[in-house]
Protein backbone atom coordinates (compact mmCIF):
# COMPACT_ATOMS: atom_id res chain seq x y z
CA MET A 1 85.46 56.44 139.11
CA THR A 2 81.98 57.93 139.27
CA PRO A 3 79.86 57.40 142.40
CA SER A 4 76.62 55.58 141.70
CA GLN A 5 73.24 56.44 143.12
CA PRO A 6 72.18 54.62 146.29
CA ALA A 7 70.31 51.39 145.58
CA HIS A 8 67.22 52.49 147.51
CA SER A 9 66.54 55.41 145.15
CA ALA A 10 66.08 53.00 142.25
CA MET A 11 63.43 51.12 144.22
CA GLU A 12 61.42 54.22 145.11
CA LYS A 13 58.60 54.06 142.61
CA VAL A 14 55.47 56.08 143.02
CA ARG A 15 52.34 54.08 142.42
CA PRO A 16 49.60 56.34 141.10
CA GLU A 17 46.68 54.63 142.83
CA PRO A 18 46.24 51.39 144.75
CA CYS A 19 44.74 48.52 142.79
CA LYS A 20 40.98 48.14 143.27
CA HIS A 21 41.17 44.47 142.26
CA PRO A 22 38.70 44.68 139.35
CA GLN A 23 39.22 41.03 138.32
CA VAL A 24 39.89 38.20 140.74
CA GLN A 25 40.05 34.44 140.44
CA ILE A 26 39.74 31.75 143.09
CA VAL A 27 43.12 30.18 143.80
CA SER A 28 42.43 28.02 146.85
CA ARG A 29 39.64 26.73 149.07
CA ASP A 30 39.63 24.92 152.37
CA GLU A 31 36.94 24.09 154.91
CA ASP A 32 36.78 27.57 156.40
CA ALA A 33 38.04 29.94 153.72
CA GLU A 34 38.31 30.73 150.04
CA TYR A 35 41.26 32.67 148.65
CA VAL A 36 41.28 34.84 145.55
CA GLU A 37 44.05 36.44 143.50
CA CYS A 38 43.78 39.77 141.72
CA LYS A 39 44.54 39.33 138.02
CA GLU A 40 45.79 42.94 137.84
CA CYS A 41 48.30 43.20 140.71
CA GLY A 42 48.71 39.59 141.86
CA ALA A 43 47.58 40.21 145.45
CA VAL A 44 46.12 37.14 147.19
CA PHE A 45 43.57 37.52 149.96
CA GLU A 46 40.62 35.79 151.58
CA SER A 47 37.38 36.30 149.66
CA SER A 48 35.66 37.75 152.74
CA GLU A 49 38.32 40.50 152.76
CA PHE A 50 37.46 41.23 149.14
CA LYS A 51 33.78 41.63 150.05
CA ASP A 52 34.77 43.92 152.95
CA MET A 53 36.87 46.04 150.57
CA ALA A 54 33.86 46.49 148.28
CA ILE A 55 31.66 47.53 151.23
CA GLU A 56 34.25 50.08 152.42
CA GLU A 57 34.62 51.45 148.88
CA GLN A 58 30.85 51.93 148.63
CA LYS A 59 30.73 53.71 152.00
CA HIS A 60 33.46 56.06 150.86
CA LEU A 61 31.62 56.85 147.60
CA ASP A 62 28.36 57.46 149.47
CA GLU A 63 30.06 59.98 151.77
CA GLU A 64 31.28 62.12 148.87
């Protein structure tokens, strides 16, 4: 009998860079919010968060 590797080592995957959500689509709207889904990674978030991410990204680029 050969010991197998621990299950957690198989799950440890290194992601090269976080998704920048280059393409999103609207998936839901209600009275106060609109939600979008990234077509690349599948993340769902409020559209105002997406706008905030873009602003933060621009600030970071301007500082370099």
